[in-house]
C-alpha atoms as a PDB file:
ATOM      1  CA  MET A   1     -79.832  20.404 -21.879  1.00  0.00           C
ATOM      2  CA  LYS A   2     -77.011  20.512 -19.341  1.00  0.00           C
ATOM      3  CA  PRO A   3     -76.285  17.638 -16.941  1.00  0.00           C
ATOM      4  CA  GLN A   4     -76.138  18.547 -13.251  1.00  0.00           C
ATOM      5  CA  PRO A   5     -74.171  18.694 -11.060  1.00  0.00           C
ATOM      6  CA  VAL A   6     -71.091  19.970 -12.912  1.00  0.00           C
ATOM      7  CA  PRO A   7     -68.243  19.176 -12.652  1.00  0.00           C
ATOM      8  CA  GLN A   8     -68.340  15.598 -11.407  1.00  0.00           C
ATOM      9  CA  PRO A   9     -65.307  14.181  -9.559  1.00  0.00           C
ATOM     10  CA  LEU A  10     -64.546  10.622 -10.595  1.00  0.00           C
ATOM     11  CA  ALA A  11     -62.515   7.759  -9.214  1.00  0.00           C
ATOM     12  CA  PRO A  12     -61.315   4.705 -11.179  1.00  0.00           C
ATOM     13  CA  GLY A  13     -64.018   2.216 -11.992  1.00  0.00           C
ATOM     14  CA  VAL A  14     -67.004   4.477 -11.384  1.00  0.00           C
ATOM     15  CA  VAL A  15     -70.174   3.833 -13.382  1.00  0.00           C
ATOM     16  CA  ARG A  16     -72.848   6.529 -13.397  1.00  0.00           C
ATOM     17  CA  PHE A  17     -75.926   7.222 -15.487  1.00  0.00           C
ATOM     18  CA  TYR A  18     -77.825  10.382 -16.312  1.00  0.00           C
ATOM     19  CA  SER A  19     -81.070  10.682 -18.236  1.00  0.00           C
ATOM     20  CA  PHE A  20     -81.769  13.768 -20.314  1.00  0.00           C
ATOM     21  CA  LEU A  21     -84.790  12.452 -22.133  1.00  0.00           C
ATOM     22  CA  PRO A  22     -87.724  14.843 -21.760  1.00  0.00           C
ATOM     23  CA  PRO A  23     -90.511  13.796 -19.386  1.00  0.00           C
ATOM     24  CA  GLY A  24     -92.856  11.696 -21.462  1.00  0.00           C
ATOM     25  CA  GLU A  25     -90.900  10.486 -24.478  1.00  0.00           C
ATOM     26  CA  ARG A  26     -91.777  12.141 -27.796  1.00  0.00           C
ATOM     27  CA  LEU A  27     -92.711   8.800 -29.364  1.00  0.00           C
ATOM     28  CA  LEU A  28     -96.437   9.555 -29.416  1.00  0.00           C
ATOM     29  CA  GLU A  29     -95.963  13.092 -30.711  1.00  0.00           C
ATOM     30  CA  ASP A  30     -93.546  12.027 -33.435  1.00  0.00           C
ATOM     31  CA  VAL A  31     -95.632   9.035 -34.555  1.00  0.00           C
ATOM     32  CA  LEU A  32     -98.859  11.027 -34.833  1.00  0.00           C
ATOM     33  CA  ALA A  33     -97.111  13.843 -36.701  1.00  0.00           C
ATOM     34  CA  GLY A  34     -95.300  11.442 -39.018  1.00  0.00           C
ATOM     35  CA  LEU A  35     -98.365   9.388 -39.919  1.00  0.00           C
ATOM     36  CA  ALA A  36    -100.235  12.598 -40.798  1.00  0.00           C
ATOM     37  CA  LEU A  37     -97.699  13.570 -43.494  1.00  0.00           C
ATOM     38  CA  PRO A  38     -98.419  13.025 -47.217  1.00  0.00           C
ATOM     39  CA  GLN A  39     -95.447  10.622 -47.206  1.00  0.00           C
ATOM     40  CA  LYS A  40     -95.988   8.897 -43.886  1.00  0.00           C
ATOM     41  CA  SER A  41     -92.770   8.546 -41.899  1.00  0.00           C
ATOM     42  CA  ILE A  42     -91.462   7.599 -38.454  1.00  0.00           C
ATOM     43  CA  PRO A  43     -87.964   8.599 -37.226  1.00  0.00           C
ATOM     44  CA  PRO A  44     -85.521   5.649 -37.236  1.00  0.00           C
ATOM     45  CA  LYS A  45     -84.407   6.353 -33.647  1.00  0.00           C
ATOM     46  CA  TYR A  46     -87.625   4.617 -32.548  1.00  0.00           C
ATOM     47  CA  PHE A  47     -86.413   1.288 -33.936  1.00  0.00           C
ATOM     48  CA  TYR A  48     -84.366   0.767 -30.806  1.00  0.00           C
ATOM     49  CA  ASP A  49     -86.600  -0.482 -28.061  1.00  0.00           C
ATOM     50  CA  GLU A  50     -85.411  -3.636 -26.291  1.00  0.00           C
ATOM     51  CA  GLN A  51     -86.665  -5.953 -29.023  1.00  0.00           C
ATOM     52  CA  GLY A  52     -85.344  -3.655 -31.745  1.00  0.00           C
ATOM     53  CA  CYS A  53     -81.875  -3.657 -30.197  1.00  0.00           C
ATOM     54  CA  ARG A  54     -81.853  -7.467 -30.143  1.00  0.00           C
ATOM     55  CA  LEU A  55     -82.944  -7.640 -33.769  1.00  0.00           C
ATOM     56  CA  PHE A  56     -80.312  -5.135 -34.846  1.00  0.00           C
ATOM     57  CA  GLU A  57     -77.607  -7.209 -33.161  1.00  0.00           C
ATOM     58  CA  ALA A  58     -78.869 -10.178 -35.191  1.00  0.00           C
ATOM     59  CA  ILE A  59     -78.729  -8.080 -38.380  1.00  0.00           C
ATOM     60  CA  CYS A  60     -75.081  -7.310 -37.683  1.00  0.00           C
ATOM     61  CA  GLU A  61     -74.295 -11.052 -37.833  1.00  0.00           C
ATOM     62  CA  LEU A  62     -75.953 -11.630 -41.220  1.00  0.00           C
ATOM     63  CA  PRO A  63     -73.720 -12.567 -44.180  1.00  0.00           C
ATOM     64  CA  GLU A  64     -75.318  -9.870 -46.368  1.00  0.00           C
ATOM     65  CA  TYR A  65     -74.765  -7.135 -43.777  1.00  0.00           C
ATOM     66  CA  TYR A  66     -71.082  -6.436 -44.397  1.00  0.00           C
ATOM     67  CA  LEU A  67     -70.996  -3.142 -42.483  1.00  0.00           C
ATOM     68  CA  THR A  68     -70.359  -4.358 -38.932  1.00  0.00           C
ATOM     69  CA  ARG A  69     -67.760  -7.014 -39.645  1.00  0.00           C
ATOM     70  CA  THR A  70     -65.951  -4.779 -42.155  1.00  0.00           C
ATOM     71  CA  GLU A  71     -65.775  -1.811 -39.797  1.00  0.00           C
ATOM     72  CA  THR A  72     -64.642  -4.072 -36.948  1.00  0.00           C
ATOM     73  CA  ALA A  73     -61.877  -5.518 -39.134  1.00  0.00           C
ATOM     74  CA  ILE A  74     -60.744  -2.014 -40.086  1.00  0.00           C
ATOM     75  CA  LEU A  75     -60.598  -1.033 -36.412  1.00  0.00           C
ATOM     76  CA  ARG A  76     -58.659  -4.134 -35.416  1.00  0.00           C
ATOM     77  CA  GLY A  77     -56.258  -3.901 -38.341  1.00  0.00           C
ATOM     78  CA  ASN A  78     -55.439  -0.226 -37.828  1.00  0.00           C
ATOM     79  CA  VAL A  79     -55.839   0.205 -34.088  1.00  0.00           C
ATOM     80  CA  ALA A  80     -52.197   1.154 -33.503  1.00  0.00           C
ATOM     81  CA  ASP A  81     -52.391   3.905 -36.124  1.00  0.00           C
ATOM     82  CA  ILE A  82     -55.750   5.033 -34.730  1.00  0.00           C
ATOM     83  CA  ALA A  83     -54.282   5.226 -31.215  1.00  0.00           C
ATOM     84  CA  GLN A  84     -51.431   7.341 -32.536  1.00  0.00           C
ATOM     85  CA  PHE A  85     -53.918   9.665 -34.242  1.00  0.00           C
ATOM     86  CA  VAL A  86     -55.949  10.056 -31.034  1.00  0.00           C
ATOM     87  CA  GLY A  87     -53.059  10.412 -28.604  1.00  0.00           C
ATOM     88  CA  PRO A  88     -52.970   9.721 -24.838  1.00  0.00           C
ATOM     89  CA  ASP A  89     -55.511  10.594 -22.138  1.00  0.00           C
ATOM     90  CA  ALA A  90     -58.534  10.953 -24.409  1.00  0.00           C
ATOM     91  CA  GLU A  91     -62.077  11.204 -23.130  1.00  0.00           C
ATOM     92  CA  LEU A  92     -64.053   8.830 -25.338  1.00  0.00           C
ATOM     93  CA  ILE A  93     -67.564  10.054 -26.205  1.00  0.00           C
ATOM     94  CA  GLU A  94     -69.670   7.598 -28.198  1.00  0.00           C
ATOM     95  CA  TYR A  95     -72.895   8.571 -29.936  1.00  0.00           C
ATOM     96  CA  GLY A  96     -75.460   5.786 -30.269  1.00  0.00           C
ATOM     97  CA  SER A  97     -73.324   3.414 -28.223  1.00  0.00           C
ATOM     98  CA  GLY A  98     -75.610   0.360 -28.415  1.00  0.00           C
ATOM     99  CA  ALA A  99     -73.908  -2.894 -27.403  1.00  0.00           C
ATOM    100  CA  GLN A 100     -70.467  -1.189 -27.365  1.00  0.00           C
ATOM    101  CA  ALA A 101     -68.684  -4.132 -29.037  1.00  0.00           C
ATOM    102  CA  LYS A 102     -66.416  -1.957 -31.216  1.00  0.00           C
ATOM    103  CA  THR A 103     -65.755   0.337 -28.286  1.00  0.00           C
ATOM    104  CA  ARG A 104     -63.828  -2.406 -26.500  1.00  0.00           C
ATOM    105  CA  ILE A 105     -61.217  -2.387 -29.262  1.00  0.00           C
ATOM    106  CA  LEU A 106     -60.658   1.348 -28.799  1.00  0.00           C
ATOM    107  CA  ILE A 107     -60.614   1.303 -24.998  1.00  0.00           C
ATOM    108  CA  GLN A 108     -58.071  -1.488 -24.925  1.00  0.00           C
ATOM    109  CA  ALA A 109     -55.820   0.356 -27.388  1.00  0.00           C
ATOM    110  CA  LEU A 110     -56.257   3.864 -25.980  1.00  0.00           C
ATOM    111  CA  HIS A 111     -56.401   2.776 -22.332  1.00  0.00           C
ATOM    112  CA  THR A 112     -58.818   5.645 -21.884  1.00  0.00           C
ATOM    113  CA  LYS A 113     -59.913   6.406 -18.329  1.00  0.00           C
ATOM    114  CA  LEU A 114     -63.223   8.090 -19.165  1.00  0.00           C
ATOM    115  CA  TYR A 115     -65.929   6.750 -21.452  1.00  0.00           C
ATOM    116  CA  VAL A 116     -69.169   8.673 -22.080  1.00  0.00           C
ATOM    117  CA  PRO A 117     -71.684   6.559 -24.045  1.00  0.00           C
ATOM    118  CA  ILE A 118     -74.830   8.316 -25.281  1.00  0.00           C
ATOM    119  CA  ASP A 119     -77.889   6.321 -26.302  1.00  0.00           C
ATOM    120  CA  ILE A 120     -81.667   6.615 -26.337  1.00  0.00           C
ATOM    121  CA  ALA A 121     -82.207   2.971 -25.255  1.00  0.00           C
ATOM    122  CA  THR A 122     -81.852   3.125 -21.471  1.00  0.00           C
ATOM    123  CA  GLU A 123     -81.794  -0.601 -20.690  1.00  0.00           C
ATOM    124  CA  THR A 124     -79.238  -1.398 -23.383  1.00  0.00           C
ATOM    125  CA  LEU A 125     -77.071   1.538 -22.299  1.00  0.00           C
ATOM    126  CA  GLN A 126     -77.025   0.439 -18.663  1.00  0.00           C
ATOM    127  CA  ALA A 127     -76.430  -3.254 -19.329  1.00  0.00           C
ATOM    128  CA  ALA A 128     -73.656  -2.685 -21.871  1.00  0.00           C
ATOM    129  CA  SER A 129     -71.943  -0.013 -19.761  1.00  0.00           C
ATOM    130  CA  ASN A 130     -71.908  -2.159 -16.626  1.00  0.00           C
ATOM    131  CA  GLU A 131     -70.482  -5.078 -18.600  1.00  0.00           C
ATOM    132  CA  LEU A 132     -67.807  -2.838 -20.112  1.00  0.00           C
ATOM    133  CA  ALA A 133     -66.809  -1.465 -16.693  1.00  0.00           C
ATOM    134  CA  SER A 134     -66.399  -4.994 -15.335  1.00  0.00           C
ATOM    135  CA  ARG A 135     -64.168  -5.840 -18.299  1.00  0.00           C
ATOM    136  CA  PHE A 136     -61.961  -2.739 -17.818  1.00  0.00           C
ATOM    137  CA  PRO A 137     -61.585  -1.978 -14.081  1.00  0.00           C
ATOM    138  CA  PHE A 138     -59.574   1.191 -14.785  1.00  0.00           C
ATOM    139  CA  LEU A 139     -62.475   2.710 -16.733  1.00  0.00           C
ATOM    140  CA  ASN A 140     -64.871   5.402 -15.566  1.00  0.00           C
ATOM    141  CA  VAL A 141     -68.201   5.161 -17.397  1.00  0.00           C
ATOM    142  CA  VAL A 142     -70.701   8.011 -17.431  1.00  0.00           C
ATOM    143  CA  GLY A 143     -73.735   6.866 -19.403  1.00  0.00           C
ATOM    144  CA  ILE A 144     -75.942   9.568 -20.884  1.00  0.00           C
ATOM    145  CA  CYS A 145     -79.462   8.516 -21.850  1.00  0.00           C
ATOM    146  CA  ALA A 146     -80.388  11.145 -24.410  1.00  0.00           C
ATOM    147  CA  ASP A 147     -81.398  11.793 -27.998  1.00  0.00           C
ATOM    148  CA  TYR A 148     -78.051  12.599 -29.576  1.00  0.00           C
ATOM    149  CA  THR A 149     -79.750  13.896 -32.720  1.00  0.00           C
ATOM    150  CA  ARG A 150     -80.596  16.993 -30.689  1.00  0.00           C
ATOM    151  CA  SER A 151     -78.129  19.555 -29.390  1.00  0.00           C
ATOM    152  CA  LEU A 152     -76.679  18.242 -26.131  1.00  0.00           C
ATOM    153  CA  GLU A 153     -74.262  19.972 -23.789  1.00  0.00           C
ATOM    154  CA  LEU A 154     -72.148  17.316 -22.080  1.00  0.00           C
ATOM    155  CA  PRO A 155     -70.784  17.675 -18.551  1.00  0.00           C
ATOM    156  CA  GLU A 156     -67.178  18.369 -17.683  1.00  0.00           C
ATOM    157  CA  PHE A 157     -65.463  15.968 -15.298  1.00  0.00           C
ATOM    158  CA  VAL A 158     -62.595  16.330 -12.857  1.00  0.00           C
ATOM    159  CA  GLY A 159     -60.364  13.697 -11.307  1.00  0.00           C
ATOM    160  CA  VAL A 160     -59.450  12.030 -14.600  1.00  0.00           C
ATOM    161  CA  PRO A 161     -56.596  13.282 -16.805  1.00  0.00           C
ATOM    162  CA  ILE A 162     -58.032  14.422 -20.145  1.00  0.00           C
ATOM    163  CA  ARG A 163     -55.896  15.914 -22.893  1.00  0.00           C
ATOM    164  CA  ARG A 164     -58.359  15.533 -25.731  1.00  0.00           C
ATOM    165  CA  LYS A 165     -62.014  14.759 -26.316  1.00  0.00           C
ATOM    166  CA  LEU A 166     -62.642  12.086 -28.938  1.00  0.00           C
ATOM    167  CA  ALA A 167     -66.109  11.607 -30.428  1.00  0.00           C
ATOM    168  CA  PHE A 168     -66.707   8.078 -31.725  1.00  0.00           C
ATOM    169  CA  PHE A 169     -69.620   7.468 -34.098  1.00  0.00           C
ATOM    170  CA  PRO A 170     -69.329   3.994 -35.657  1.00  0.00           C
ATOM    171  CA  GLY A 171     -71.683   1.907 -37.758  1.00  0.00           C
ATOM    172  CA  SER A 172     -72.226   4.448 -40.533  1.00  0.00           C
ATOM    173  CA  THR A 173     -75.119   5.736 -38.443  1.00  0.00           C
ATOM    174  CA  VAL A 174     -74.319   9.188 -39.818  1.00  0.00           C
ATOM    175  CA  GLY A 175     -75.927   7.880 -43.015  1.00  0.00           C
ATOM    176  CA  ASN A 176     -79.322   7.905 -41.279  1.00  0.00           C
ATOM    177  CA  PHE A 177     -79.226  11.691 -41.554  1.00  0.00           C
ATOM    178  CA  THR A 178     -79.784  13.612 -44.746  1.00  0.00           C
ATOM    179  CA  PRO A 179     -76.585  15.438 -45.767  1.00  0.00           C
ATOM    180  CA  ALA A 180     -78.000  18.660 -44.305  1.00  0.00           C
ATOM    181  CA  GLU A 181     -78.858  16.914 -41.033  1.00  0.00           C
ATOM    182  CA  ALA A 182     -75.449  15.233 -40.995  1.00  0.00           C
ATOM    183  CA  LEU A 183     -73.786  18.616 -41.351  1.00  0.00           C
ATOM    184  CA  GLN A 184     -75.711  19.989 -38.375  1.00  0.00           C
ATOM    185  CA  PHE A 185     -74.930  16.894 -36.309  1.00  0.00           C
ATOM    186  CA  LEU A 186     -71.219  17.188 -37.106  1.00  0.00           C
ATOM    187  CA  LYS A 187     -71.307  20.855 -36.134  1.00  0.00           C
ATOM    188  CA  ASN A 188     -72.821  19.838 -32.779  1.00  0.00           C
ATOM    189  CA  VAL A 189     -70.077  17.242 -32.310  1.00  0.00           C
ATOM    190  CA  ARG A 190     -67.440  19.828 -33.190  1.00  0.00           C
ATOM    191  CA  LYS A 191     -68.829  22.061 -30.451  1.00  0.00           C
ATOM    192  CA  SER A 192     -68.810  19.195 -27.938  1.00  0.00           C
ATOM    193  CA  VAL A 193     -65.205  18.117 -28.506  1.00  0.00           C
ATOM    194  CA  GLY A 194     -63.883  21.686 -28.697  1.00  0.00           C
ATOM    195  CA  THR A 195     -60.777  23.005 -30.389  1.00  0.00           C
ATOM    196  CA  GLY A 196     -58.129  20.304 -30.410  1.00  0.00           C
ATOM    197  CA  GLY A 197     -60.729  17.552 -30.125  1.00  0.00           C
ATOM    198  CA  ALA A 198     -61.163  14.752 -32.610  1.00  0.00           C
ATOM    199  CA  LEU A 199     -63.756  12.648 -34.398  1.00  0.00           C
ATOM    200  CA  LEU A 200     -63.526   8.979 -35.337  1.00  0.00           C
ATOM    201  CA  ILE A 201     -66.478   8.099 -37.555  1.00  0.00           C
ATOM    202  CA  GLY A 202     -67.550   5.104 -39.624  1.00  0.00           C
ATOM    203  CA  VAL A 203     -68.909   5.902 -43.094  1.00  0.00           C
ATOM    204  CA  ASP A 204     -70.320   3.425 -45.585  1.00  0.00           C
ATOM    205  CA  LEU A 205     -68.980   3.926 -49.099  1.00  0.00           C
ATOM    206  CA  LYS A 206     -70.896   4.071 -52.363  1.00  0.00           C
ATOM    207  CA  LYS A 207     -70.923   0.739 -54.190  1.00  0.00           C
ATOM    208  CA  ASP A 208     -72.999  -1.450 -56.493  1.00  0.00           C
ATOM    209  CA  LYS A 209     -76.769  -1.608 -56.020  1.00  0.00           C
ATOM    210  CA  ALA A 210     -76.909  -5.406 -55.655  1.00  0.00           C
ATOM    211  CA  THR A 211     -74.629  -5.412 -52.610  1.00  0.00           C
ATOM    212  CA  LEU A 212     -76.579  -2.626 -50.917  1.00  0.00           C
ATOM    213  CA  ASP A 213     -80.000  -4.072 -51.723  1.00  0.00           C
ATOM    214  CA  ALA A 214     -78.975  -7.403 -50.171  1.00  0.00           C
ATOM    215  CA  ALA A 215     -77.598  -5.719 -47.052  1.00  0.00           C
ATOM    216  CA  TYR A 216     -80.933  -4.027 -46.313  1.00  0.00           C
ATOM    217  CA  ALA A 217     -83.301  -6.812 -47.413  1.00  0.00           C
ATOM    218  CA  ASP A 218     -81.615 -10.012 -46.220  1.00  0.00           C
ATOM    219  CA  SER A 219     -82.700 -13.479 -47.289  1.00  0.00           C
ATOM    220  CA  LYS A 220     -83.596 -14.577 -43.734  1.00  0.00           C
ATOM    221  CA  GLY A 221     -85.977 -11.666 -43.222  1.00  0.00           C
ATOM    222  CA  VAL A 222     -84.308 -10.363 -40.069  1.00  0.00           C
ATOM    223  CA  THR A 223     -84.270  -6.787 -41.368  1.00  0.00           C
ATOM    224  CA  ALA A 224     -87.964  -7.148 -42.180  1.00  0.00           C
ATOM    225  CA  LYS A 225     -88.663  -8.174 -38.563  1.00  0.00           C
ATOM    226  CA  PHE A 226     -86.595  -5.218 -37.365  1.00  0.00           C
ATOM    227  CA  ASN A 227     -88.583  -2.801 -39.515  1.00  0.00           C
ATOM    228  CA  LEU A 228     -91.973  -4.330 -38.643  1.00  0.00           C
ATOM    229  CA  ASN A 229     -91.103  -4.235 -34.942  1.00  0.00           C
ATOM    230  CA  LEU A 230     -91.621  -0.486 -35.192  1.00  0.00           C
ATOM    231  CA  LEU A 231     -95.339  -1.104 -35.753  1.00  0.00           C
ATOM    232  CA  ALA A 232     -95.406  -3.660 -32.947  1.00  0.00           C
ATOM    233  CA  ARG A 233     -93.802  -1.088 -30.653  1.00  0.00           C
ATOM    234  CA  ILE A 234     -96.499   1.448 -31.521  1.00  0.00           C
ATOM    235  CA  ASN A 235     -99.108  -1.180 -30.667  1.00  0.00           C
ATOM    236  CA  ARG A 236     -97.413  -2.029 -27.352  1.00  0.00           C
ATOM    237  CA  GLU A 237     -96.646   1.464 -26.143  1.00  0.00           C
ATOM    238  CA  LEU A 238     -99.247   3.677 -27.805  1.00  0.00           C
ATOM    239  CA  GLY A 239    -102.256   1.393 -28.032  1.00  0.00           C
ATOM    240  CA  GLY A 240    -102.087   1.167 -31.822  1.00  0.00           C
ATOM    241  CA  ASP A 241    -103.948  -1.493 -33.797  1.00  0.00           C
ATOM    242  CA  PHE A 242    -101.512  -2.123 -36.658  1.00  0.00           C
ATOM    243  CA  GLN A 243    -101.809  -5.638 -38.082  1.00  0.00           C
ATOM    244  CA  THR A 244     -98.170  -6.213 -38.938  1.00  0.00           C
ATOM    245  CA  SER A 245     -99.045  -9.056 -41.317  1.00  0.00           C
ATOM    246  CA  ARG A 246    -100.771  -6.490 -43.520  1.00  0.00           C
ATOM    247  CA  PHE A 247     -97.490  -4.636 -44.137  1.00  0.00           C
ATOM    248  CA  ARG A 248     -94.218  -5.680 -45.724  1.00  0.00           C
ATOM    249  CA  HIS A 249     -90.629  -4.468 -45.502  1.00  0.00           C
ATOM    250  CA  LYS A 250     -89.016  -2.732 -48.472  1.00  0.00           C
ATOM    251  CA  GLY A 251     -85.315  -1.874 -48.515  1.00  0.00           C
ATOM    252  CA  PHE A 252     -83.509  -0.684 -51.641  1.00  0.00           C
ATOM    253  CA  TYR A 253     -80.656   1.506 -52.850  1.00  0.00           C
ATOM    254  CA  ASP A 254     -81.475   4.575 -54.939  1.00  0.00           C
ATOM    255  CA  PRO A 255     -78.289   5.415 -56.880  1.00  0.00           C
ATOM    256  CA  SER A 256     -79.657   8.788 -58.011  1.00  0.00           C
ATOM    257  CA  GLN A 257     -79.814   9.958 -54.388  1.00  0.00           C
ATOM    258  CA  GLY A 258     -76.893   7.890 -53.144  1.00  0.00           C
ATOM    259  CA  ARG A 259     -78.906   6.352 -50.340  1.00  0.00           C
ATOM    260  CA  VAL A 260     -80.732   3.261 -49.165  1.00  0.00           C
ATOM    261  CA  GLU A 261     -84.382   3.727 -48.237  1.00  0.00           C
ATOM    262  CA  MET A 262     -86.435   1.533 -45.922  1.00  0.00           C
ATOM    263  CA  HIS A 263     -90.226   1.539 -46.002  1.00  0.00           C
ATOM    264  CA  LEU A 264     -93.160  -0.374 -44.589  1.00  0.00           C
ATOM    265  CA  GLU A 265     -95.613  -0.956 -47.426  1.00  0.00           C
ATOM    266  CA  SER A 266     -99.337  -1.449 -46.885  1.00  0.00           C
ATOM    267  CA  LEU A 267    -100.523  -4.585 -48.677  1.00  0.00           C
ATOM    268  CA  TYR A 268    -104.190  -3.625 -48.543  1.00  0.00           C
ATOM    269  CA  SER A 269    -106.572  -0.726 -48.220  1.00  0.00           C
ATOM    270  CA  GLN A 270    -106.854  -0.426 -44.442  1.00  0.00           C
ATOM    271  CA  ILE A 271    -107.533   1.834 -41.479  1.00  0.00           C
ATOM    272  CA  VAL A 272    -105.224   2.038 -38.465  1.00  0.00           C
ATOM    273  CA  HIS A 273    -105.757   3.810 -35.148  1.00  0.00           C
ATOM    274  CA  VAL A 274    -103.072   5.214 -32.838  1.00  0.00           C
ATOM    275  CA  ALA A 275    -104.034   6.965 -29.591  1.00  0.00           C
ATOM    276  CA  GLY A 276    -107.573   7.399 -30.881  1.00  0.00           C
ATOM    277  CA  GLN A 277    -106.529   8.976 -34.179  1.00  0.00           C
ATOM    278  CA  ARG A 278    -107.417   7.381 -37.515  1.00  0.00           C
ATOM    279  CA  PHE A 279    -104.958   6.863 -40.380  1.00  0.00           C
ATOM    280  CA  ASP A 280    -105.960   5.524 -43.787  1.00  0.00           C
ATOM    281  CA  PHE A 281    -103.658   3.450 -45.963  1.00  0.00           C
ATOM    282  CA  ALA A 282    -104.076   2.726 -49.653  1.00  0.00           C
ATOM    283  CA  PRO A 283    -102.614  -0.453 -51.183  1.00  0.00           C
ATOM    284  CA  GLY A 284     -98.940   0.185 -51.876  1.00  0.00           C
ATOM    285  CA  GLU A 285     -98.762   3.251 -49.620  1.00  0.00           C
ATOM    286  CA  THR A 286     -95.672   3.289 -47.419  1.00  0.00           C
ATOM    287  CA  ILE A 287     -94.348   4.525 -44.124  1.00  0.00           C
ATOM    288  CA  HIS A 288     -90.807   5.773 -44.673  1.00  0.00           C
ATOM    289  CA  THR A 289     -88.738   4.520 -41.735  1.00  0.00           C
ATOM    290  CA  GLU A 290     -85.067   5.049 -42.574  1.00  0.00           C
ATOM    291  CA  ILE A 291     -82.489   6.328 -45.015  1.00  0.00           C
ATOM    292  CA  SER A 292     -78.846   5.309 -45.129  1.00  0.00           C
ATOM    293  CA  CYS A 293     -76.792   7.741 -47.168  1.00  0.00           C
ATOM    294  CA  LYS A 294     -73.614   6.473 -48.776  1.00  0.00           C
ATOM    295  CA  TYR A 295     -70.612   8.697 -49.483  1.00  0.00           C
ATOM    296  CA  SER A 296     -67.384   8.695 -51.412  1.00  0.00           C
ATOM    297  CA  ILE A 297     -64.343   9.464 -49.277  1.00  0.00           C
ATOM    298  CA  ALA A 298     -64.000  12.906 -50.868  1.00  0.00           C
ATOM    299  CA  GLU A 299     -67.689  13.705 -50.306  1.00  0.00           C
ATOM    300  CA  PHE A 300     -67.525  12.928 -46.605  1.00  0.00           C
ATOM    301  CA  GLN A 301     -64.256  14.782 -46.115  1.00  0.00           C
ATOM    302  CA  GLU A 302     -65.867  17.857 -47.638  1.00  0.00           C
ATOM    303  CA  LEU A 303     -68.819  17.491 -45.253  1.00  0.00           C
ATOM    304  CA  GLY A 304     -66.403  17.294 -42.327  1.00  0.00           C
ATOM    305  CA  LYS A 305     -64.605  20.436 -43.452  1.00  0.00           C
ATOM    306  CA  ARG A 306     -67.885  22.346 -43.618  1.00  0.00           C
ATOM    307  CA  ALA A 307     -68.593  21.288 -40.024  1.00  0.00           C
ATOM    308  CA  GLY A 308     -65.256  22.595 -38.742  1.00  0.00           C
ATOM    309  CA  PHE A 309     -63.130  19.457 -38.901  1.00  0.00           C
ATOM    310  CA  SER A 310     -59.836  18.893 -40.659  1.00  0.00           C
ATOM    311  CA  PRO A 311     -59.645  15.445 -42.343  1.00  0.00           C
ATOM    312  CA  GLU A 312     -56.412  13.770 -41.258  1.00  0.00           C
ATOM    313  CA  LYS A 313     -56.801  10.007 -41.679  1.00  0.00           C
ATOM    314  CA  VAL A 314     -58.921   7.516 -43.598  1.00  0.00           C
ATOM    315  CA  TRP A 315     -58.807   3.772 -43.049  1.00  0.00           C
ATOM    316  CA  THR A 316     -60.584   1.369 -45.422  1.00  0.00           C
ATOM    317  CA  ASP A 317     -60.856  -2.347 -46.196  1.00  0.00           C
ATOM    318  CA  PRO A 318     -59.236  -3.930 -49.267  1.00  0.00           C
ATOM    319  CA  GLU A 319     -62.571  -4.044 -51.152  1.00  0.00           C
ATOM    320  CA  GLN A 320     -63.291  -0.359 -50.416  1.00  0.00           C
ATOM    321  CA  LEU A 321     -66.662  -1.227 -48.881  1.00  0.00           C
ATOM    322  CA  PHE A 322     -66.365   0.913 -45.777  1.00  0.00           C
ATOM    323  CA  SER A 323     -64.291   3.737 -44.330  1.00  0.00           C
ATOM    324  CA  ILE A 324     -63.308   5.110 -40.940  1.00  0.00           C
ATOM    325  CA  HIS A 325     -62.367   8.797 -40.902  1.00  0.00           C
ATOM    326  CA  GLY A 326     -60.091  10.430 -38.369  1.00  0.00           C
ATOM    327  CA  MET A 327     -60.760  14.176 -38.196  1.00  0.00           C
ATOM    328  CA  ALA A 328     -59.379  16.919 -35.970  1.00  0.00           C
ATOM    329  CA  ALA A 329     -61.424  19.849 -34.741  1.00  0.00           C
ATOM    330  CA  ALA A 330     -60.052  22.815 -36.624  1.00  0.00           C
END
């Protein structure tokens, strides 16, 4: 997929949007295929409709969910060193940009002139990007509505000084990929930033099971609502007849695989229809909705090397809960 026209001349303060989602989103295709598998599954990217985005923002404020506040504190506490690592006149490319709260810290420190957020949630992308542009009048924003898990060729822009392309991937979202998928994603990012480019990426660290279990199954049930909203979305958009009260959220850390798993468990023997197709559920059968792989610092650095990056910096919190890696495209 290649945005057109190319190149695009920009002037300070411009906000533009491009959509590279295929005609007719793949939601129906992916849901039907996933529910037909022996281990039923739905890709986690479909969490993020408008309601899902709101629920995820609420998750980020929960006391058990340390990831967001810890990563934000690392960014704030090391922003001068991060800016030195990045250097001047960087084009900032953010994958899965969401509400863009952490991005503000970087833009203010880097004083970047060009920001390219990429997200699958069109309404969130547009609202957050317009708000960001009003906050930083010097900023050019080129929003790309696309599925960043697929190979994506980004446009080149003229009219803005760019010495280096910086890919920003916060939130430990890389953990939603299997290690093999993460490697392929990082290779795609390496291709996008080019030789001399850089990657700034948030990675959740391996830790005790109790902390991780609490983070993904909070006491207020917000994560459960977030997970169950996936079924409600299928009902809204695909004419499904899921009864969400007949399913429950399960989130747990599996130390043997080094990852958190999220599932929706059927509480009863039941039949569900989506787009006219029938799916049978046994009691205790689950729909696998997400993984969140955790890494040691050395493990993730090795993954980066295999993707063509040279690990240069790592910033962590005092409790070693979370890490931000600065890598250069080799």
